[in-house]
Amino acid sequence: MDLTVMSFNLRFWNKKDEYDWPRRLPGVVAAVQASQPAVIGTQECLHEMLLDLLNGLPGYTFIGEGREGGEKGEYSAILYRTDLLKLRYQGQFWLSDHPEIPSSNSWMADWPRICTWGWFQPIGEVGPEFLVYNTHLDNGSQKAREKGVRMIWDVMARRRELSGLPGLLMGDLNAEPHNPVVGFLRGAAELEGEIATLNDLYQLNGGEEAVGPTYHDGPGFCSGDSEEARRPRLIDYIFATTDVTSLSVEVDRRRFGDLDPSDHYPVVGRVRLPD
């Protein structure tokens, strides 16, 4: 089964932006419609933004909750096409010492951080079931990024051992390719004595050097005053278990109505799931 997936940090609804959410929404919808992904991992999306998205994208629904619990705070929601996929199970955990407690925060993180996951089954095909994980790691604390990604990998590895299913991990990692967080997921660096075994779609399709930045400080966004906050960088990724074949990956830098739909470009991957 071939599958198109997207990781898209939508930028939260910042009323200080010249290009705030209502102006950007048509471009976000157009970007999704252009790729027709079966699954989208979103970051920074607020509840009212999700409702707008569902209104503009009939045929999609979502799983997940806000990082402060329920409908409060930013989501790391997973949207999926109901004509292609059936949801079997879903869940969410907080990247903290108390992963079951909403809004819990550890390791000097600037914000509560979460990982949302879904177990999907194709509709109308004798195709493989598969798992999707979506996250947004902390922007301020390297310790929180490392602890968070270790927790996500531990959950992925345990569930894969029990189910044998292929899996995808996508999200805004707030980490560039040289960061130990990315090296860990690629199986090139240890964190606390452990090494993950995932494939980075960038590495399977020419390397990150050919990709360029996924975050940008384009016009219309109030990104802060520091030079670091404004610096373009590659921080959005799609990873897959080793039994998933990568067909392609691209960073979609199209503008819609002369506006960037977000201060992150959507990352679109095409993969083949094992029989």
Protein backbone atom coordinates (compact mmCIF):
# COMPACT_ATOMS: atom_id res chain seq x y z
CA MET A 1 0.00 0.00 0.00
CA ASP A 2 1.34 3.41 -1.02
CA LEU A 3 0.64 6.24 1.38
CA THR A 4 1.11 10.01 1.24
CA VAL A 5 1.75 11.67 4.60
CA MET A 6 2.42 15.25 5.64
CA SER A 7 4.02 16.94 8.62
CA PHE A 8 2.89 20.56 8.92
CA ASN A 9 3.56 23.06 11.68
CA LEU A 10 0.64 25.43 11.05
CA ARG A 11 1.81 28.26 13.33
CA PHE A 12 -0.50 29.12 16.19
CA TRP A 13 -3.06 31.88 15.76
CA ASN A 14 -0.87 34.84 16.72
CA LYS A 15 -2.97 38.01 16.65
CA LYS A 16 0.25 40.05 16.30
CA ASP A 17 1.01 38.51 12.90
CA GLU A 18 0.21 40.54 9.84
CA TYR A 19 -0.63 37.21 8.24
CA ASP A 20 -2.78 35.80 11.02
CA TRP A 21 -4.72 32.56 10.82
CA PRO A 22 -7.84 33.74 8.93
CA ARG A 23 -5.61 35.14 6.16
CA ARG A 24 -3.49 32.00 6.01
CA LEU A 25 -6.26 29.40 6.26
CA PRO A 26 -7.07 29.27 2.50
CA GLY A 27 -3.40 28.63 1.75
CA VAL A 28 -3.17 25.86 4.33
CA VAL A 29 -6.26 24.20 2.84
CA ALA A 30 -4.83 24.59 -0.68
CA ALA A 31 -1.49 23.07 0.39
CA VAL A 32 -3.24 20.02 1.82
CA GLN A 33 -5.53 19.65 -1.20
CA ALA A 34 -2.53 19.83 -3.54
CA SER A 35 -0.91 16.76 -1.94
CA GLN A 36 -4.03 14.88 -0.76
CA PRO A 37 -2.21 13.20 2.14
CA ALA A 38 -3.94 10.29 3.82
CA VAL A 39 -2.43 11.39 7.15
CA ILE A 40 -1.30 14.81 8.39
CA GLY A 41 0.68 15.42 11.55
CA THR A 42 0.04 19.01 12.63
CA GLN A 43 1.84 21.11 15.21
CA GLU A 44 0.82 24.33 17.00
CA CYS A 45 -2.80 23.99 15.90
CA LEU A 46 -5.37 25.36 18.36
CA HIS A 47 -8.85 23.88 18.72
CA GLU A 48 -10.59 26.63 16.77
CA MET A 49 -8.00 26.25 14.01
CA LEU A 50 -8.75 22.52 13.81
CA LEU A 51 -12.45 23.26 13.41
CA ASP A 52 -11.62 25.66 10.57
CA LEU A 53 -9.48 22.99 8.93
CA LEU A 54 -12.17 20.34 9.11
CA ASN A 55 -14.64 22.80 7.60
CA GLY A 56 -12.26 23.47 4.72
CA LEU A 57 -11.20 19.84 4.29
CA PRO A 58 -14.33 17.67 4.16
CA GLY A 59 -13.43 14.02 4.41
CA TYR A 60 -10.82 14.52 7.12
CA THR A 61 -11.19 14.12 10.85
CA PHE A 62 -8.63 14.32 13.67
CA ILE A 63 -7.39 12.71 16.85
CA GLY A 64 -5.58 14.30 19.78
CA GLU A 65 -6.15 16.91 22.43
CA GLY A 66 -4.51 20.13 23.54
CA ARG A 67 -1.27 19.99 25.47
CA GLU A 68 -3.00 21.58 28.47
CA GLY A 69 -5.71 18.91 28.37
CA GLY A 70 -8.99 18.66 26.49
CA GLU A 71 -9.40 21.55 24.07
CA LYS A 72 -6.83 23.78 25.81
CA GLY A 73 -3.53 24.74 24.28
CA GLU A 74 -1.70 23.68 21.15
CA TYR A 75 -2.40 20.26 19.64
CA SER A 76 -0.09 17.79 17.97
CA ALA A 77 -3.15 16.49 16.17
CA ILE A 78 -3.26 13.78 13.53
CA LEU A 79 -5.71 14.38 10.69
CA TYR A 80 -6.66 11.47 8.44
CA ARG A 81 -8.91 10.76 5.46
CA THR A 82 -11.95 8.79 6.51
CA ASP A 83 -12.47 7.45 2.96
CA LEU A 84 -9.08 5.72 3.08
CA LEU A 85 -8.44 4.84 6.69
CA LYS A 86 -10.23 3.47 9.72
CA LEU A 87 -8.97 4.35 13.18
CA ARG A 88 -8.58 1.32 15.43
CA TYR A 89 -6.93 2.85 18.50
CA GLN A 90 -5.59 6.22 19.54
CA GLY A 91 -3.80 7.84 22.43
CA GLN A 92 -1.70 10.71 23.67
CA PHE A 93 0.99 11.06 26.30
CA TRP A 94 2.85 13.98 27.79
CA LEU A 95 6.62 14.17 27.43
CA SER A 96 7.31 14.43 31.14
CA ASP A 97 7.95 12.39 34.27
CA HIS A 98 4.16 11.96 34.46
CA PRO A 99 3.11 11.14 30.88
CA GLU A 100 -0.49 10.40 31.81
CA ILE A 101 -1.10 13.82 33.44
CA PRO A 102 -2.36 16.61 31.13
CA SER A 103 -0.21 19.74 31.04
CA SER A 104 2.62 18.01 32.95
CA ASN A 105 6.03 19.47 32.28
CA SER A 106 9.56 18.25 33.09
CA TRP A 107 13.22 18.63 32.19
CA MET A 108 13.24 22.44 32.05
CA ALA A 109 10.92 22.50 29.05
CA ASP A 110 9.47 25.87 28.10
CA TRP A 111 6.05 24.29 27.51
CA PRO A 112 4.18 21.05 28.14
CA ARG A 113 4.94 18.75 25.20
CA ILE A 114 2.93 15.83 23.85
CA CYS A 115 2.94 12.93 21.43
CA THR A 116 -0.29 11.83 19.75
CA TRP A 117 -0.57 8.40 18.15
CA GLY A 118 -3.05 6.46 16.05
CA TRP A 119 -3.36 2.86 14.89
CA PHE A 120 -4.88 2.78 11.40
CA GLN A 121 -6.39 0.19 9.10
CA PRO A 122 -6.97 0.72 5.35
CA ILE A 123 -10.57 0.70 4.18
CA GLY A 124 -11.53 -1.66 1.36
CA GLU A 125 -8.07 -3.22 1.02
CA VAL A 126 -6.30 -6.20 2.44
CA GLY A 127 -3.56 -3.79 3.35
CA PRO A 128 -1.33 -3.48 6.37
CA GLU A 129 -2.36 -1.82 9.56
CA PHE A 130 0.15 0.79 10.68
CA LEU A 131 0.94 3.27 13.44
CA VAL A 132 1.50 7.02 13.26
CA TYR A 133 3.13 9.19 15.94
CA ASN A 134 3.17 12.97 15.84
CA THR A 135 5.01 15.36 18.15
CA HIS A 136 6.44 18.84 18.68
CA LEU A 137 9.56 18.82 20.82
CA ASP A 138 10.49 21.69 23.09
CA ASN A 139 12.03 24.83 21.61
CA GLY A 140 14.08 25.83 24.67
CA SER A 141 15.50 22.82 26.47
CA GLN A 142 17.88 20.33 24.84
CA LYS A 143 17.39 18.05 27.83
CA ALA A 144 13.63 18.08 27.24
CA ARG A 145 14.15 17.27 23.56
CA GLU A 146 16.41 14.33 24.37
CA LYS A 147 14.23 12.99 27.17
CA GLY A 148 11.12 13.48 25.07
CA VAL A 149 12.44 11.67 22.01
CA ARG A 150 13.68 8.80 24.19
CA MET A 151 10.19 8.46 25.66
CA ILE A 152 8.61 8.47 22.19
CA TRP A 153 11.05 5.85 20.93
CA ASP A 154 10.46 3.65 23.97
CA VAL A 155 6.71 3.73 23.30
CA MET A 156 7.21 3.05 19.59
CA ALA A 157 9.62 0.17 20.18
CA ARG A 158 7.42 -1.47 22.80
CA ARG A 159 4.29 -1.25 20.66
CA ARG A 160 6.15 -2.48 17.58
CA GLU A 161 7.47 -5.47 19.50
CA LEU A 162 3.94 -6.37 20.56
CA SER A 163 2.17 -5.65 17.26
CA GLY A 164 4.83 -6.12 14.58
CA LEU A 165 3.29 -3.20 12.69
CA PRO A 166 5.14 -0.61 10.60
CA GLY A 167 5.19 2.91 11.98
CA LEU A 168 5.80 6.54 11.11
CA LEU A 169 7.03 9.36 13.31
CA MET A 170 6.60 12.93 12.17
CA GLY A 171 6.84 16.33 13.70
CA ASP A 172 8.66 19.53 14.48
CA LEU A 173 11.65 18.36 16.50
CA ASN A 174 13.14 21.83 17.05
CA ALA A 175 16.41 20.10 16.22
CA GLU A 176 18.64 20.44 13.18
CA PRO A 177 20.26 17.39 11.53
CA HIS A 178 23.46 17.67 13.59
CA ASN A 179 21.51 17.56 16.88
CA PRO A 180 21.82 14.35 18.97
CA VAL A 181 18.02 14.04 18.88
CA VAL A 182 18.08 13.53 15.12
CA GLY A 183 21.20 11.38 15.29
CA PHE A 184 19.47 9.16 17.84
CA LEU A 185 16.42 8.57 15.67
CA ARG A 186 18.67 7.85 12.68
CA GLY A 187 20.54 5.21 14.70
CA ALA A 188 23.76 7.23 14.63
CA ALA A 189 23.94 8.46 18.24
CA GLU A 190 23.19 7.02 21.65
CA LEU A 191 20.90 8.63 24.20
CA GLU A 192 21.13 7.11 27.67
CA GLY A 193 22.69 3.95 26.22
CA GLU A 194 19.95 3.42 23.63
CA ILE A 195 19.93 3.79 19.84
CA ALA A 196 16.73 4.01 17.78
CA THR A 197 16.27 2.13 14.50
CA LEU A 198 14.33 4.44 12.23
CA ASN A 199 14.93 5.70 8.70
CA ASP A 200 14.92 9.42 8.02
CA LEU A 201 13.11 10.06 4.74
CA TYR A 202 15.55 12.86 3.94
CA GLN A 203 18.51 10.50 4.11
CA LEU A 204 16.76 8.02 1.83
CA ASN A 205 16.11 10.71 -0.78
CA GLY A 206 19.33 12.63 -1.35
CA GLY A 207 20.12 13.81 2.17
CA GLU A 208 19.18 16.91 4.11
CA GLU A 209 21.66 19.01 2.11
CA ALA A 210 19.27 18.78 -0.84
CA VAL A 211 16.25 19.73 1.28
CA GLY A 212 17.02 23.14 2.72
CA PRO A 213 15.20 24.77 5.63
CA THR A 214 11.70 23.81 6.67
CA TYR A 215 11.30 26.76 9.05
CA HIS A 216 11.58 30.27 7.65
CA ASP A 217 11.06 33.79 8.93
CA GLY A 218 9.09 35.02 5.98
CA PRO A 219 7.27 38.35 5.80
CA GLY A 220 4.07 38.70 7.79
CA PHE A 221 5.13 36.74 10.88
CA CYS A 222 6.09 38.10 14.29
CA SER A 223 8.84 35.62 15.14
CA GLY A 224 10.65 37.50 17.91
CA ASP A 225 13.62 39.81 18.00
CA SER A 226 16.53 37.39 18.36
CA GLU A 227 18.67 36.48 15.40
CA GLU A 228 18.35 32.79 16.29
CA ALA A 229 14.54 32.98 16.26
CA ARG A 230 14.64 34.41 12.75
CA ARG A 231 17.21 32.01 11.28
CA PRO A 232 15.87 29.56 8.65
CA ARG A 233 16.60 25.95 9.58
CA LEU A 234 15.61 22.36 8.95
CA ILE A 235 13.66 21.12 11.98
CA ASP A 236 10.62 19.24 10.57
CA TYR A 237 10.94 15.52 9.80
CA ILE A 238 9.29 12.27 8.82
CA PHE A 239 10.82 9.00 10.07
CA ALA A 240 9.74 5.42 9.30
CA THR A 241 10.42 1.95 10.60
CA THR A 242 12.89 -0.02 8.51
CA ASP A 243 10.20 -2.16 6.81
CA VAL A 244 8.65 0.94 5.19
CA THR A 245 9.92 1.85 1.72
CA SER A 246 10.44 5.56 1.06
CA LEU A 247 9.30 6.63 -2.41
CA SER A 248 9.92 10.37 -2.12
CA VAL A 249 10.00 13.35 0.21
CA GLU A 250 9.69 17.03 -0.57
CA VAL A 251 9.37 20.33 1.22
CA ASP A 252 6.47 22.23 -0.35
CA ARG A 253 7.50 25.90 -0.59
CA ARG A 254 4.60 27.12 -2.69
CA ARG A 255 2.86 30.33 -1.73
CA PHE A 256 -0.89 30.75 -2.07
CA GLY A 257 -2.36 34.16 -2.79
CA ASP A 258 1.16 35.61 -2.36
CA LEU A 259 1.17 34.42 1.27
CA ASP A 260 3.13 31.69 2.99
CA PRO A 261 0.57 29.39 4.65
CA SER A 262 2.81 29.13 7.73
CA ASP A 263 6.28 29.99 8.97
CA HIS A 264 7.03 26.28 8.41
CA TYR A 265 6.81 24.57 5.05
CA PRO A 266 4.83 21.32 4.90
CA VAL A 267 6.94 18.18 4.48
CA VAL A 268 5.28 15.62 2.17
CA GLY A 269 6.44 12.00 2.17
CA ARG A 270 5.34 9.13 -0.01
CA VAL A 271 5.95 5.68 1.38
CA ARG A 272 5.08 2.07 0.62
CA LEU A 273 3.92 -0.03 3.53
CA PRO A 274 4.93 -3.71 3.63
CA ASP A 275 2.46 -6.38 2.59
